[in-house]
């Protein structure tokens, strides 16, 4: 009888410690979708008069920059450069498709989006190891 009570108390302690860890966020569940850090997009040169920065959604997760275009903006040129101006990646994409860019080195970067009408938008972000 004493062995059953001891086992029950131990199971209760194990259950409560797991519940407390989960409640305080110490236990990460692998099935949860971990999202990157959103990057604020700012208008650099607006020639068309309409601000479309809300249609560009970049985020950084580790070394991977993900960009989602929420509407069709035609062909968009995307350049990722260091804050010193050294180009890391330059490509062109047809929207509303998105893209992912791997950035190999840690540091501070600027991503610039140039629309086919000449409008430019940018966002600043940091890659950490």
N, C-alpha and C. Protein backbone atom coordinates (compact mmCIF):
# COMPACT_ATOMS: atom_id res chain seq x y z
N UNK A 1 0.82 -1.18 0.00
CA UNK A 1 0.00 0.00 0.00
C UNK A 1 0.87 1.26 0.00
N UNK A 2 1.92 1.26 0.81
CA UNK A 2 2.82 2.41 0.89
C UNK A 2 3.52 2.66 -0.43
N UNK A 3 3.85 1.59 -1.17
CA UNK A 3 4.51 1.71 -2.46
C UNK A 3 3.59 2.39 -3.48
N UNK A 4 2.29 2.09 -3.43
CA UNK A 4 1.33 2.69 -4.35
C UNK A 4 1.18 4.18 -4.06
N UNK A 5 1.15 4.56 -2.79
CA UNK A 5 1.02 5.96 -2.41
C UNK A 5 2.27 6.74 -2.85
N UNK A 6 3.44 6.15 -2.64
CA UNK A 6 4.69 6.79 -3.05
C UNK A 6 4.72 6.98 -4.56
N UNK A 7 4.31 5.97 -5.32
CA UNK A 7 4.27 6.07 -6.78
C UNK A 7 3.28 7.13 -7.22
N UNK A 8 2.14 7.22 -6.58
CA UNK A 8 1.14 8.23 -6.91
C UNK A 8 1.67 9.64 -6.64
N UNK A 9 2.35 9.84 -5.51
CA UNK A 9 2.91 11.15 -5.17
C UNK A 9 4.00 11.53 -6.17
N UNK A 10 4.84 10.58 -6.54
CA UNK A 10 5.91 10.86 -7.51
C UNK A 10 5.32 11.22 -8.88
N UNK A 11 4.29 10.52 -9.31
CA UNK A 11 3.65 10.81 -10.58
C UNK A 11 3.01 12.20 -10.55
N UNK A 12 2.41 12.55 -9.44
CA UNK A 12 1.79 13.86 -9.29
C UNK A 12 2.85 14.96 -9.36
N UNK A 13 3.98 14.76 -8.70
CA UNK A 13 5.07 15.74 -8.74
C UNK A 13 5.61 15.90 -10.16
N UNK A 14 5.78 14.80 -10.87
CA UNK A 14 6.26 14.83 -12.25
C UNK A 14 5.27 15.58 -13.13
N UNK A 15 4.00 15.30 -12.98
CA UNK A 15 2.97 15.97 -13.76
C UNK A 15 2.93 17.47 -13.49
N UNK A 16 2.99 17.86 -12.23
CA UNK A 16 2.94 19.28 -11.87
C UNK A 16 4.18 20.04 -12.35
N UNK A 17 5.37 19.43 -12.26
CA UNK A 17 6.57 20.12 -12.75
C UNK A 17 6.50 20.31 -14.26
N UNK A 18 6.00 19.34 -14.99
CA UNK A 18 5.83 19.49 -16.44
C UNK A 18 4.82 20.57 -16.77
N UNK A 19 3.72 20.63 -16.03
CA UNK A 19 2.71 21.65 -16.27
C UNK A 19 3.25 23.05 -15.99
N UNK A 20 4.04 23.19 -14.93
CA UNK A 20 4.61 24.50 -14.61
C UNK A 20 5.63 24.94 -15.66
N UNK A 21 6.45 24.01 -16.15
CA UNK A 21 7.41 24.34 -17.21
C UNK A 21 6.68 24.79 -18.47
N UNK A 22 5.63 24.11 -18.82
CA UNK A 22 4.86 24.48 -20.00
C UNK A 22 4.21 25.85 -19.82
N UNK A 23 3.69 26.11 -18.63
CA UNK A 23 3.01 27.38 -18.37
C UNK A 23 3.98 28.56 -18.44
N UNK A 24 5.22 28.36 -18.04
CA UNK A 24 6.19 29.43 -18.06
C UNK A 24 6.98 29.50 -19.36
N UNK A 25 6.69 28.61 -20.30
CA UNK A 25 7.32 28.65 -21.62
C UNK A 25 8.70 28.06 -21.67
N UNK A 26 9.11 27.31 -20.66
CA UNK A 26 10.44 26.70 -20.69
C UNK A 26 10.49 25.50 -21.62
N UNK A 27 9.39 24.84 -21.80
CA UNK A 27 9.33 23.66 -22.66
C UNK A 27 8.82 24.08 -24.03
N UNK A 28 9.63 23.89 -25.06
CA UNK A 28 9.20 24.21 -26.43
C UNK A 28 8.61 22.95 -27.05
N UNK A 29 7.47 23.11 -27.66
CA UNK A 29 6.83 21.99 -28.34
C UNK A 29 7.25 22.03 -29.79
N UNK A 30 7.73 20.92 -30.33
CA UNK A 30 8.24 20.87 -31.69
C UNK A 30 7.16 21.13 -32.73
N UNK A 31 5.92 20.88 -32.45
CA UNK A 31 4.85 21.05 -33.42
C UNK A 31 4.42 22.51 -33.57
N UNK A 32 4.85 23.37 -32.65
CA UNK A 32 4.49 24.77 -32.76
C UNK A 32 5.26 25.38 -33.92
N UNK A 33 4.61 26.22 -34.70
CA UNK A 33 5.26 26.88 -35.82
C UNK A 33 6.05 28.06 -35.29
N UNK A 34 7.37 27.99 -35.46
CA UNK A 34 8.22 29.09 -35.03
C UNK A 34 8.34 30.07 -36.18
N UNK A 35 7.98 31.29 -35.95
CA UNK A 35 7.98 32.31 -36.98
C UNK A 35 9.19 33.20 -36.80
N UNK A 36 9.63 33.79 -37.92
CA UNK A 36 10.75 34.69 -37.88
C UNK A 36 10.36 36.06 -37.35
N UNK A 37 11.33 36.91 -37.28
CA UNK A 37 11.12 38.28 -36.82
C UNK A 37 10.72 39.13 -38.02
N UNK A 38 9.59 39.80 -37.93
CA UNK A 38 9.12 40.65 -39.02
C UNK A 38 10.03 41.85 -39.18
N UNK A 39 10.23 42.26 -40.44
CA UNK A 39 11.05 43.40 -40.78
C UNK A 39 10.13 44.53 -41.24
N UNK A 40 10.29 45.71 -40.66
CA UNK A 40 9.47 46.85 -41.05
C UNK A 40 9.93 47.37 -42.41
N UNK A 41 8.99 47.53 -43.33
CA UNK A 41 9.28 48.03 -44.67
C UNK A 41 8.97 49.51 -44.73
N UNK A 42 9.95 50.29 -45.19
CA UNK A 42 9.79 51.74 -45.28
C UNK A 42 9.91 52.16 -46.74
N UNK A 43 9.23 53.23 -47.09
CA UNK A 43 9.29 53.74 -48.46
C UNK A 43 10.53 54.61 -48.60
N UNK A 44 11.32 54.34 -49.66
CA UNK A 44 12.53 55.11 -49.90
C UNK A 44 12.29 56.15 -51.00
N UNK A 45 11.72 55.71 -52.11
CA UNK A 45 11.43 56.63 -53.21
C UNK A 45 10.09 56.23 -53.81
N UNK A 46 9.07 57.03 -53.57
CA UNK A 46 7.75 56.74 -54.09
C UNK A 46 7.44 57.63 -55.27
N UNK A 47 7.50 57.08 -56.46
CA UNK A 47 7.26 57.87 -57.66
C UNK A 47 5.81 57.80 -58.12
N UNK A 48 5.12 56.72 -57.76
CA UNK A 48 3.76 56.52 -58.27
C UNK A 48 2.69 57.18 -57.42
N UNK A 49 3.03 57.56 -56.20
CA UNK A 49 2.05 58.21 -55.35
C UNK A 49 1.28 57.28 -54.43
N UNK A 50 1.31 55.97 -54.66
CA UNK A 50 0.60 55.04 -53.78
C UNK A 50 1.62 54.20 -53.00
N UNK A 51 1.44 54.19 -51.68
CA UNK A 51 2.34 53.44 -50.81
C UNK A 51 1.94 51.97 -50.81
N UNK A 52 2.85 51.10 -51.24
CA UNK A 52 2.57 49.67 -51.30
C UNK A 52 3.44 48.88 -50.32
N UNK A 53 3.99 49.56 -49.33
CA UNK A 53 4.85 48.89 -48.36
C UNK A 53 4.10 47.82 -47.57
N UNK A 54 2.80 47.98 -47.39
CA UNK A 54 2.01 46.98 -46.68
C UNK A 54 1.83 45.68 -47.45
N UNK A 55 2.16 45.70 -48.73
CA UNK A 55 2.03 44.50 -49.56
C UNK A 55 3.30 43.66 -49.57
N UNK A 56 4.34 44.13 -48.90
CA UNK A 56 5.63 43.42 -48.83
C UNK A 56 5.83 43.00 -47.39
N UNK A 57 5.98 41.68 -47.16
CA UNK A 57 6.11 41.17 -45.79
C UNK A 57 7.40 40.35 -45.64
N UNK A 58 8.52 41.00 -45.33
CA UNK A 58 9.76 40.25 -45.09
C UNK A 58 9.91 39.87 -43.62
N UNK A 59 10.58 38.74 -43.39
CA UNK A 59 10.91 38.33 -42.03
C UNK A 59 12.23 37.57 -42.06
N UNK A 60 12.92 37.58 -40.94
CA UNK A 60 14.20 36.88 -40.83
C UNK A 60 14.09 35.83 -39.74
N UNK A 61 14.53 34.62 -40.06
CA UNK A 61 14.52 33.51 -39.11
C UNK A 61 15.89 32.85 -39.19
N UNK A 62 16.76 33.20 -38.24
CA UNK A 62 18.14 32.70 -38.30
C UNK A 62 18.87 33.38 -39.45
N UNK A 63 19.31 32.58 -40.42
CA UNK A 63 20.02 33.10 -41.59
C UNK A 63 19.14 33.15 -42.83
N UNK A 64 17.85 32.88 -42.69
CA UNK A 64 16.95 32.81 -43.85
C UNK A 64 16.01 34.01 -43.86
N UNK A 65 16.11 34.79 -44.94
CA UNK A 65 15.21 35.91 -45.18
C UNK A 65 14.06 35.40 -46.05
N UNK A 66 12.84 35.56 -45.57
CA UNK A 66 11.65 35.15 -46.32
C UNK A 66 10.85 36.40 -46.64
N UNK A 67 10.44 36.51 -47.90
CA UNK A 67 9.64 37.66 -48.33
C UNK A 67 8.36 37.14 -48.96
N UNK A 68 7.23 37.66 -48.50
CA UNK A 68 5.91 37.32 -49.06
C UNK A 68 5.34 38.61 -49.65
N UNK A 69 4.90 38.53 -50.90
CA UNK A 69 4.23 39.65 -51.56
C UNK A 69 2.73 39.36 -51.51
N UNK A 70 1.98 40.23 -50.85
CA UNK A 70 0.56 39.99 -50.62
C UNK A 70 -0.33 40.36 -51.80
N UNK A 71 0.23 40.98 -52.81
CA UNK A 71 -0.54 41.32 -53.99
C UNK A 71 0.38 41.32 -55.21
N UNK A 72 -0.22 41.35 -56.39
CA UNK A 72 0.54 41.35 -57.62
C UNK A 72 1.08 42.75 -57.88
N UNK A 73 2.41 42.88 -57.87
CA UNK A 73 3.06 44.15 -58.15
C UNK A 73 3.95 44.05 -59.38
N UNK A 74 3.75 43.01 -60.17
CA UNK A 74 4.59 42.83 -61.35
C UNK A 74 5.95 42.28 -60.96
N UNK A 75 6.95 42.64 -61.73
CA UNK A 75 8.30 42.20 -61.45
C UNK A 75 8.94 43.11 -60.41
N UNK A 76 9.57 42.50 -59.39
CA UNK A 76 10.20 43.26 -58.31
C UNK A 76 11.66 42.83 -58.22
N UNK A 77 12.54 43.82 -58.20
CA UNK A 77 13.96 43.56 -58.00
C UNK A 77 14.24 43.59 -56.50
N UNK A 78 14.95 42.58 -56.00
CA UNK A 78 15.25 42.48 -54.57
C UNK A 78 16.76 42.42 -54.40
N UNK A 79 17.29 43.33 -53.58
CA UNK A 79 18.72 43.32 -53.30
C UNK A 79 18.93 43.26 -51.80
N UNK A 80 19.79 42.34 -51.37
CA UNK A 80 20.19 42.25 -49.97
C UNK A 80 21.64 42.70 -49.92
N UNK A 81 21.93 43.68 -49.06
CA UNK A 81 23.28 44.22 -48.95
C UNK A 81 23.60 44.47 -47.49
N UNK A 82 24.89 44.51 -47.19
CA UNK A 82 25.31 44.89 -45.85
C UNK A 82 25.05 46.38 -45.67
N UNK A 83 25.08 46.86 -44.43
CA UNK A 83 24.86 48.28 -44.20
C UNK A 83 25.99 49.11 -44.80
N UNK A 84 27.14 48.49 -45.07
CA UNK A 84 28.25 49.18 -45.71
C UNK A 84 28.06 49.27 -47.22
N UNK A 85 27.03 48.60 -47.75
CA UNK A 85 26.73 48.68 -49.18
C UNK A 85 27.22 47.53 -50.02
N UNK A 86 27.80 46.50 -49.41
CA UNK A 86 28.29 45.34 -50.15
C UNK A 86 27.11 44.43 -50.47
N UNK A 87 26.86 44.18 -51.75
CA UNK A 87 25.73 43.36 -52.17
C UNK A 87 25.97 41.89 -51.83
N UNK A 88 24.98 41.27 -51.21
CA UNK A 88 25.05 39.86 -50.84
C UNK A 88 24.25 39.01 -51.83
N UNK A 89 23.10 39.52 -52.25
CA UNK A 89 22.21 38.80 -53.16
C UNK A 89 21.39 39.83 -53.93
N UNK A 90 21.24 39.61 -55.22
CA UNK A 90 20.42 40.48 -56.04
C UNK A 90 19.64 39.58 -57.00
N UNK A 91 18.32 39.70 -56.98
CA UNK A 91 17.50 38.86 -57.83
C UNK A 91 16.22 39.58 -58.19
N UNK A 92 15.49 38.97 -59.11
CA UNK A 92 14.23 39.54 -59.57
C UNK A 92 13.16 38.47 -59.44
N UNK A 93 11.96 38.86 -59.03
CA UNK A 93 10.88 37.91 -58.82
C UNK A 93 9.58 38.49 -59.37
N UNK A 94 8.76 37.63 -59.92
CA UNK A 94 7.43 38.04 -60.34
C UNK A 94 6.48 37.81 -59.19
N UNK A 95 5.75 38.84 -58.81
CA UNK A 95 4.80 38.74 -57.70
C UNK A 95 3.46 38.25 -58.24
N UNK A 96 2.64 37.65 -57.41
CA UNK A 96 2.67 37.60 -55.95
C UNK A 96 3.48 36.45 -55.37
N UNK A 97 4.37 35.84 -56.12
CA UNK A 97 5.24 34.80 -55.58
C UNK A 97 6.15 35.38 -54.51
N UNK A 98 6.58 34.54 -53.58
CA UNK A 98 7.50 34.96 -52.54
C UNK A 98 8.89 34.45 -52.84
N UNK A 99 9.80 34.66 -51.89
CA UNK A 99 11.16 34.17 -52.08
C UNK A 99 11.82 33.96 -50.73
N UNK A 100 12.89 33.16 -50.76
CA UNK A 100 13.72 32.95 -49.58
C UNK A 100 15.17 33.14 -49.99
N UNK A 101 15.93 33.81 -49.14
CA UNK A 101 17.34 34.07 -49.40
C UNK A 101 18.13 33.64 -48.17
N UNK A 102 19.17 32.80 -48.39
CA UNK A 102 20.04 32.40 -47.30
C UNK A 102 21.18 33.42 -47.18
N UNK A 103 21.38 33.94 -45.98
CA UNK A 103 22.43 34.92 -45.72
C UNK A 103 23.48 34.23 -44.84
N UNK A 104 24.67 33.98 -45.41
CA UNK A 104 25.64 33.13 -44.70
C UNK A 104 26.30 33.75 -43.48
N UNK A 105 26.47 35.05 -43.44
CA UNK A 105 27.23 35.67 -42.35
C UNK A 105 26.34 36.50 -41.43
N UNK A 106 26.72 36.53 -40.17
CA UNK A 106 26.01 37.37 -39.21
C UNK A 106 26.37 38.83 -39.47
N UNK A 107 25.44 39.72 -39.17
CA UNK A 107 25.70 41.15 -39.35
C UNK A 107 24.42 41.92 -39.59
N UNK A 108 24.57 43.19 -39.90
CA UNK A 108 23.44 44.08 -40.18
C UNK A 108 23.26 44.22 -41.68
N UNK A 109 22.01 44.13 -42.14
CA UNK A 109 21.72 44.12 -43.56
C UNK A 109 20.55 45.05 -43.89
N UNK A 110 20.46 45.39 -45.18
CA UNK A 110 19.35 46.15 -45.72
C UNK A 110 18.82 45.39 -46.93
N UNK A 111 17.51 45.19 -46.98
CA UNK A 111 16.90 44.59 -48.17
C UNK A 111 16.13 45.70 -48.87
N UNK A 112 16.37 45.82 -50.19
CA UNK A 112 15.74 46.87 -50.98
C UNK A 112 14.87 46.24 -52.05
N UNK A 113 13.64 46.73 -52.16
CA UNK A 113 12.67 46.25 -53.16
C UNK A 113 12.42 47.37 -54.16
N UNK A 114 12.68 47.12 -55.43
CA UNK A 114 12.43 48.12 -56.47
C UNK A 114 11.34 47.59 -57.39
N UNK A 115 10.21 48.29 -57.43
CA UNK A 115 9.09 47.89 -58.28
C UNK A 115 9.36 48.33 -59.72
N UNK A 116 8.62 47.76 -60.65
CA UNK A 116 8.81 48.08 -62.06
C UNK A 116 8.49 49.53 -62.39
N UNK A 117 7.69 50.21 -61.56
CA UNK A 117 7.38 51.63 -61.80
C UNK A 117 8.41 52.57 -61.17
N UNK A 118 9.46 52.03 -60.55
CA UNK A 118 10.53 52.84 -59.96
C UNK A 118 10.41 53.06 -58.47
N UNK A 119 9.28 52.73 -57.87
CA UNK A 119 9.13 52.87 -56.42
C UNK A 119 10.13 51.98 -55.70
N UNK A 120 10.74 52.48 -54.62
CA UNK A 120 11.69 51.71 -53.83
C UNK A 120 11.24 51.64 -52.38
N UNK A 121 11.40 50.46 -51.81
CA UNK A 121 11.10 50.21 -50.40
C UNK A 121 12.29 49.48 -49.81
N UNK A 122 12.50 49.64 -48.50
CA UNK A 122 13.61 48.96 -47.87
C UNK A 122 13.24 48.54 -46.45
N UNK A 123 14.03 47.62 -45.92
CA UNK A 123 13.91 47.18 -44.54
C UNK A 123 15.27 46.81 -44.00
N UNK A 124 15.50 47.11 -42.74
CA UNK A 124 16.79 46.82 -42.10
C UNK A 124 16.59 45.65 -41.12
N UNK A 125 17.60 44.77 -41.06
CA UNK A 125 17.52 43.62 -40.17
C UNK A 125 18.90 43.17 -39.77
N UNK A 126 18.95 42.31 -38.77
CA UNK A 126 20.21 41.78 -38.25
C UNK A 126 20.16 40.26 -38.28
N UNK A 127 21.25 39.65 -38.75
CA UNK A 127 21.41 38.19 -38.72
C UNK A 127 22.37 37.89 -37.58
N UNK A 128 21.95 37.03 -36.66
CA UNK A 128 22.80 36.64 -35.53
C UNK A 128 23.10 35.15 -35.64
N UNK A 129 24.20 34.76 -35.04
CA UNK A 129 24.54 33.33 -35.03
C UNK A 129 23.86 32.60 -33.93
